[in-house]
Every structure is written in structure tokens, then in C-alpha cells.
């Protein structure tokens, strides 16, 4: 009885029509962008990391969009496919077919076009395997990867070239200065030596350590300091930053092999990939 009385008292305290009260928050609808599709969409999904939007059409085509609405590509999943679900990875989807009563786990091999002209390169320019690495000189995992990539160029001197791109993280105080210093050292023909020395000291970088590296390599230190802010060095860093944004890169190291992202950066992973693709090419 007491519970009933308490409930009635609480109900009596509520406004007579809470849904239509005068202080209702105003909600306005803003259409940011409308994507015109040739075929009717039957399902949509957004990658959990926010990097891609997927639209499934009535004909079974999967359309892949960037977050700003740019069509990146499409792939045919087959008629009757009517369900797509995102996963934690933007290259893995769950795909359902109600007609056939099937559920498939699919991976998307996104081949990215990366302009590498004018970037630091180690290995022959016409090497069949182009490894593009986005790296940070204060990143421990990047330092480990640098050793692996160096071994690869030794083991596969005619097959592999490594292209370096800077992605200095904001959380690392000295990584952008280190990146500028490495590019300035490149203007004296010593990029890769400076690159190696920076990674050897990734856990103790500072302006003093950068100066020390320049002196140890017998560089023109006055010129190096001056050219760290050279317009061409700044433009190179900005170009790399634009590529990071376009590709949706969120961490370091990030590696692409012939345009396809590689998530396992172990020596065995690189060797297996090179071995598989070489064997496939020989069969053709």
C-alpha cells in the first residue's frame, strides 16, 4: 500500500504533458551531403573506425565511400546479398544473403595510389616490391620496423625498395624536428644515415641529440639547422601530412606494399608476401 501511495505522489509531481512542455529542445536537420546512386541501396554500414562508408545496392554491388562522400571503389558481392555489417577493421565486413541463407566474412584488398615521387628511397627504383612506410622518429615500433626493412633491402637487393614518409605524432615532442632534420640531411645526401641514427636514439631525442647526430655524421650543422625550415622541407612535411589524411592513417608505423596495407610487420610476414607474389608471377 505504501509503495502505491509513493508512486501516486511521484506521478502527481510530473508536469501534465511532459512531452509537449514549452522548453522542448529545438532540433534542426542539416543535410551535409547527398550521394546520388544509380541503384537503390538496400543496406549501409560505417566502419567502426569511421574511415569508410559502405553502401550495398539491390544488384549486389558494394560501394565504398570515404567519410567526405568520395567514391573510392566498388566490388560485386552477387545478387541476393542484402545485409552488410561493419567490424573493428575497415577492410573486413560481414555480408549476408537472405535468399541463400548465408553469412560471409569478407576482406577488402584496398590498393591505394601513393605518389612517391621525390621521396627518400632505398633500393632500385624499378623494384617490383615498393614498401611505403609512414613513420615517426620517436616511435619504438617504427625503430624496430626500420631494422626489419633494412634487412629486407639486404636480403632482396633487386626486388625491394623502401620509401619513407613522415608522420610525426603530436604526442612526441621532438619527432617533427627530427623529421625536418632528416630531410635537411637529405639535402646534403645523408638522409638514410641520419634516419638510422635518429632511430638508434628514438627514446632520447632532443635538440641537443639531433645536433650531436649531425656532428657525428660530419654534416654542415649550420646549414642543417638553417634548412630544417627551408620551404622545400616544409612542403615535404605538409605533403606527407596530406597523404596521411587522405589515406586515413591513424598511427605509426603504417606500411603499404604495392599500395596494399600490411598489418603484420614481422620479417616473416614480408618474406611470405614476397614469396607468394613472386611464385604467382612465375606461374603466369
Protein backbone atom coordinates (compact mmCIF):
# COMPACT_ATOMS: atom_id res chain seq x y z
CA UNK A 1 0.00 0.00 0.00
CA UNK A 2 2.84 2.37 0.88
CA UNK A 3 4.53 1.70 -2.49
CA UNK A 4 1.29 2.53 -4.31
CA UNK A 5 0.91 5.83 -2.41
CA UNK A 6 4.57 6.76 -3.14
CA UNK A 7 4.15 6.08 -6.87
CA UNK A 8 0.96 8.18 -6.98
CA UNK A 9 2.74 11.05 -5.22
CA UNK A 10 5.62 10.94 -7.74
CA UNK A 11 3.22 10.89 -10.68
CA UNK A 12 1.39 13.88 -9.25
CA UNK A 13 4.67 15.85 -9.24
CA UNK A 14 5.19 15.36 -13.01
CA UNK A 15 4.01 18.07 -15.45
CA UNK A 16 0.62 17.33 -17.03
CA UNK A 17 2.13 16.79 -20.50
CA UNK A 18 5.94 16.34 -20.30
CA UNK A 19 6.33 15.59 -24.00
CA UNK A 20 4.79 18.87 -25.10
CA UNK A 21 6.35 21.18 -22.50
CA UNK A 22 7.38 24.61 -23.70
CA UNK A 23 11.11 24.05 -23.04
CA UNK A 24 11.50 21.29 -25.66
CA UNK A 25 14.95 21.44 -27.32
CA UNK A 26 14.80 22.64 -30.92
CA UNK A 27 16.26 20.16 -33.38
CA UNK A 28 17.28 21.21 -36.86
CA UNK A 29 18.07 18.84 -39.70
CA UNK A 30 21.18 19.64 -41.74
CA UNK A 31 21.96 17.60 -44.85
CA UNK A 32 25.75 17.64 -45.14
CA UNK A 33 25.90 15.80 -48.46
CA UNK A 34 23.59 13.71 -50.63
CA UNK A 35 25.10 10.83 -52.58
CA UNK A 36 23.18 10.06 -55.75
CA UNK A 37 23.22 6.33 -56.54
CA UNK A 38 22.23 4.65 -59.80
CA UNK A 39 20.68 1.68 -57.98
CA UNK A 40 18.54 1.51 -54.86
CA UNK A 41 20.56 0.98 -51.66
CA UNK A 42 19.35 -1.95 -49.55
CA UNK A 43 21.78 -1.59 -46.64
CA UNK A 44 24.52 0.69 -45.37
CA UNK A 45 27.31 0.39 -42.81
CA UNK A 46 30.01 2.62 -41.39
CA UNK A 47 33.42 1.19 -40.44
CA UNK A 48 33.78 1.30 -36.67
CA UNK A 49 36.91 3.41 -37.01
CA UNK A 50 34.95 5.91 -39.13
CA UNK A 51 37.28 5.67 -42.13
CA UNK A 52 34.81 4.27 -44.67
CA UNK A 53 31.12 4.19 -45.50
CA UNK A 54 29.70 1.14 -47.28
CA UNK A 55 26.51 1.07 -49.35
CA UNK A 56 25.00 -2.15 -50.71
CA UNK A 57 22.81 -1.86 -53.81
CA UNK A 58 19.89 -4.04 -54.90
CA UNK A 59 22.11 -5.56 -57.61
CA UNK A 60 24.63 -6.77 -55.01
CA UNK A 61 27.27 -4.11 -55.63
CA UNK A 62 29.21 -2.83 -52.64
CA UNK A 63 30.08 0.86 -52.98
CA UNK A 64 32.91 2.15 -50.80
CA UNK A 65 33.00 5.83 -49.82
CA UNK A 66 35.39 7.98 -47.84
CA UNK A 67 33.89 9.87 -44.87
CA UNK A 68 33.57 13.01 -47.04
CA UNK A 69 31.49 11.15 -49.62
CA UNK A 70 34.17 10.43 -52.23
CA UNK A 71 33.63 7.12 -54.02
CA UNK A 72 36.79 5.05 -53.50
CA UNK A 73 35.69 1.98 -55.41
CA UNK A 74 33.15 -0.81 -55.78
CA UNK A 75 33.03 -4.59 -55.80
CA UNK A 76 30.35 -7.07 -56.82
CA UNK A 77 29.07 -9.30 -53.99
CA UNK A 78 26.38 -11.06 -56.02
CA UNK A 79 22.61 -10.74 -56.33
CA UNK A 80 20.63 -11.57 -53.23
CA UNK A 81 23.25 -10.02 -50.95
CA UNK A 82 21.19 -7.72 -48.78
CA UNK A 83 23.00 -7.29 -45.43
CA UNK A 84 26.33 -5.72 -44.57
CA UNK A 85 27.74 -5.23 -41.07
CA UNK A 86 30.88 -3.40 -40.04
CA UNK A 87 33.69 -4.85 -37.95
CA UNK A 88 36.51 -3.19 -35.97
CA UNK A 89 38.63 -3.27 -39.13
CA UNK A 90 37.65 -1.15 -42.13
CA UNK A 91 38.77 -3.87 -44.56
CA UNK A 92 36.66 -6.67 -43.05
CA UNK A 93 32.87 -6.92 -43.42
CA UNK A 94 30.10 -9.37 -42.57
CA UNK A 95 27.91 -9.96 -45.63
CA UNK A 96 24.53 -11.69 -45.52
CA UNK A 97 22.35 -13.20 -48.24
CA UNK A 98 18.77 -13.77 -47.04
CA UNK A 99 17.81 -15.70 -50.16
CA UNK A 100 20.66 -18.21 -49.85
CA UNK A 101 20.67 -18.10 -46.04
CA UNK A 102 24.42 -17.43 -45.96
CA UNK A 103 26.73 -15.21 -43.95
CA UNK A 104 30.20 -14.47 -45.27
CA UNK A 105 33.20 -12.78 -43.71
CA UNK A 106 34.98 -10.87 -46.46
CA UNK A 107 38.18 -8.86 -46.62
CA UNK A 108 38.70 -5.92 -48.96
CA UNK A 109 42.11 -5.50 -50.57
CA UNK A 110 42.19 -1.73 -51.00
CA UNK A 111 45.00 -0.82 -53.40
CA UNK A 112 45.95 2.80 -52.72
CA UNK A 113 47.69 5.10 -55.18
CA UNK A 114 50.52 6.83 -53.31
CA UNK A 115 52.61 9.46 -55.04
CA UNK A 116 56.19 8.65 -54.03
CA UNK A 117 58.00 10.95 -56.46
CA UNK A 118 60.81 12.90 -54.83
CA UNK A 119 60.66 10.96 -51.54
CA UNK A 120 63.64 9.26 -49.83
CA UNK A 121 64.10 5.83 -51.43
CA UNK A 122 66.35 2.89 -50.58
CA UNK A 123 66.66 0.24 -53.28
CA UNK A 124 66.31 0.17 -57.08
CA UNK A 125 63.66 2.49 -58.49
CA UNK A 126 62.21 -0.29 -60.67
CA UNK A 127 61.99 -2.84 -57.85
CA UNK A 128 58.80 -4.95 -58.10
CA UNK A 129 58.02 -4.51 -54.40
CA UNK A 130 57.53 -0.93 -53.25
CA UNK A 131 57.27 -0.64 -49.47
CA UNK A 132 55.95 2.74 -48.35
CA UNK A 133 56.28 3.34 -44.63
CA UNK A 134 54.70 6.19 -42.65
CA UNK A 135 56.90 6.59 -39.61
CA UNK A 136 57.71 8.68 -36.53
CA UNK A 137 61.29 9.02 -35.28
CA UNK A 138 60.24 8.77 -31.61
CA UNK A 139 58.09 5.67 -32.14
CA UNK A 140 59.64 2.47 -30.68
CA UNK A 141 57.74 0.21 -33.10
CA UNK A 142 58.96 2.36 -36.01
CA UNK A 143 62.54 1.88 -34.81
CA UNK A 144 62.03 -1.90 -34.78
CA UNK A 145 60.48 -1.80 -38.24
CA UNK A 146 63.39 0.25 -39.58
CA UNK A 147 65.71 -2.64 -38.70
CA UNK A 148 63.41 -5.14 -40.45
CA UNK A 149 63.21 -3.01 -43.59
CA UNK A 150 66.98 -2.60 -43.65
CA UNK A 151 67.34 -6.39 -43.54
CA UNK A 152 64.83 -6.71 -46.37
CA UNK A 153 66.83 -4.45 -48.66
CA UNK A 154 69.89 -6.60 -47.96
CA UNK A 155 68.09 -9.91 -48.48
CA UNK A 156 66.21 -8.74 -51.59
CA UNK A 157 68.53 -6.12 -53.14
CA UNK A 158 66.89 -6.29 -56.59
CA UNK A 159 63.29 -6.87 -55.51
CA UNK A 160 62.59 -4.36 -52.74
CA UNK A 161 62.63 -0.61 -52.46
CA UNK A 162 61.68 1.25 -49.29
CA UNK A 163 60.05 4.68 -49.49
CA UNK A 164 60.00 6.77 -46.32
CA UNK A 165 57.18 9.17 -45.42
CA UNK A 166 56.98 11.21 -42.23
CA UNK A 167 54.09 11.05 -39.79
CA UNK A 168 55.34 12.87 -36.66
CA UNK A 169 52.76 12.30 -33.92
CA UNK A 170 51.67 15.27 -31.84
CA UNK A 171 52.28 13.30 -28.66
CA UNK A 172 56.01 13.15 -29.45
CA UNK A 173 57.72 16.45 -28.68
CA UNK A 174 60.75 16.12 -30.94
CA UNK A 175 59.51 13.96 -33.82
CA UNK A 176 58.66 16.82 -36.20
CA UNK A 177 62.03 18.48 -35.61
CA UNK A 178 63.70 15.12 -36.17
CA UNK A 179 61.75 14.67 -39.41
CA UNK A 180 62.80 18.13 -40.60
CA UNK A 181 66.41 17.39 -39.66
CA UNK A 182 66.39 14.10 -41.60
CA UNK A 183 65.02 15.84 -44.69
CA UNK A 184 67.59 18.63 -44.29
CA UNK A 185 70.31 15.97 -44.00
CA UNK A 186 68.95 14.55 -47.25
CA UNK A 187 69.78 17.86 -48.89
CA UNK A 188 73.39 17.03 -48.01
CA UNK A 189 72.99 13.49 -49.37
CA UNK A 190 72.81 11.83 -45.95
CA UNK A 191 69.13 11.11 -45.32
CA UNK A 192 69.39 7.39 -44.61
CA UNK A 193 72.40 7.73 -42.30
CA UNK A 194 70.54 10.40 -40.34
CA UNK A 195 67.38 8.25 -40.42
CA UNK A 196 69.26 5.31 -38.89
CA UNK A 197 70.92 7.44 -36.21
CA UNK A 198 67.59 9.00 -35.22
CA UNK A 199 66.00 5.59 -34.77
CA UNK A 200 69.03 4.37 -32.81
CA UNK A 201 68.25 7.24 -30.41
CA UNK A 202 64.44 7.24 -30.67
CA UNK A 203 63.99 7.08 -26.89
CA UNK A 204 66.26 10.04 -26.12
CA UNK A 205 65.70 12.54 -28.91
CA UNK A 206 66.15 16.22 -28.15
CA UNK A 207 67.51 19.26 -29.99
CA UNK A 208 70.90 18.51 -28.44
CA UNK A 209 70.80 14.88 -29.62
CA UNK A 210 69.85 15.97 -33.15
CA UNK A 211 72.83 18.35 -33.17
CA UNK A 212 75.06 15.58 -31.87
CA UNK A 213 73.94 13.23 -34.66
CA UNK A 214 74.69 15.89 -37.26
CA UNK A 215 78.17 16.41 -35.81
CA UNK A 216 78.87 12.65 -35.66
CA UNK A 217 77.92 12.36 -39.33
CA UNK A 218 80.20 15.33 -40.09
CA UNK A 219 77.40 17.33 -41.68
CA UNK A 220 77.40 21.08 -42.12
CA UNK A 221 75.47 21.70 -38.90
CA UNK A 222 74.84 25.39 -39.58
CA UNK A 223 73.37 24.54 -42.97
CA UNK A 224 71.32 21.69 -41.45
CA UNK A 225 69.74 23.99 -38.87
CA UNK A 226 69.03 26.59 -41.50
CA UNK A 227 67.49 24.13 -43.94
CA UNK A 228 65.27 22.45 -41.33
CA UNK A 229 62.90 25.35 -42.04
CA UNK A 230 63.61 25.50 -45.77
CA UNK A 231 60.41 25.89 -47.85
CA UNK A 232 61.09 22.59 -49.63
CA UNK A 233 61.44 20.74 -46.31
CA UNK A 234 58.23 22.30 -45.00
CA UNK A 235 56.45 21.44 -48.26
CA UNK A 236 57.64 17.83 -47.99
CA UNK A 237 56.30 17.50 -44.45
CA UNK A 238 52.99 19.05 -45.48
CA UNK A 239 52.77 16.70 -48.45
CA UNK A 240 53.24 13.69 -46.18
CA UNK A 241 50.61 15.07 -43.78
CA UNK A 242 48.14 15.39 -46.67
CA UNK A 243 48.78 11.75 -47.64
CA UNK A 244 48.19 10.69 -44.02
CA UNK A 245 44.82 12.46 -44.01
CA UNK A 246 43.77 11.15 -47.43
CA UNK A 247 44.64 7.56 -46.56
CA UNK A 248 43.00 7.73 -43.13
CA UNK A 249 46.19 6.75 -41.30
CA UNK A 250 45.85 6.99 -37.53
CA UNK A 251 49.07 5.52 -36.14
CA UNK A 252 52.66 4.59 -36.75
CA UNK A 253 54.15 2.64 -38.28
CA UNK A 254 51.76 2.21 -41.22
CA UNK A 255 53.04 0.17 -44.15
CA UNK A 256 51.82 -0.26 -47.71
CA UNK A 257 53.28 -2.86 -50.06
CA UNK A 258 52.47 -2.04 -53.68
CA UNK A 259 49.58 0.08 -52.44
CA UNK A 260 48.07 -2.53 -50.13
CA UNK A 261 48.25 -2.04 -46.38
CA UNK A 262 50.27 -4.63 -44.48
CA UNK A 263 49.34 -5.03 -40.81
CA UNK A 264 51.90 -7.65 -39.78
CA UNK A 265 55.34 -6.02 -39.89
CA UNK A 266 57.45 -9.02 -38.96
CA UNK A 267 60.29 -10.21 -41.18
CA UNK A 268 58.41 -13.47 -41.79
CA UNK A 269 55.34 -11.56 -42.96
CA UNK A 270 57.33 -9.60 -45.54
CA UNK A 271 59.15 -12.73 -46.69
CA UNK A 272 55.90 -14.66 -47.06
CA UNK A 273 54.30 -11.85 -49.06
CA UNK A 274 57.28 -11.50 -51.38
CA UNK A 275 57.47 -15.28 -51.78
CA UNK A 276 53.78 -15.64 -52.63
CA UNK A 277 53.72 -12.84 -55.16
CA UNK A 278 56.99 -13.96 -56.75
CA UNK A 279 55.67 -17.52 -57.10
CA UNK A 280 52.43 -16.22 -58.59
CA UNK A 281 54.30 -14.11 -61.12
CA UNK A 282 56.48 -17.07 -62.14
CA UNK A 283 53.40 -19.26 -62.75
CA UNK A 284 51.99 -16.67 -65.14
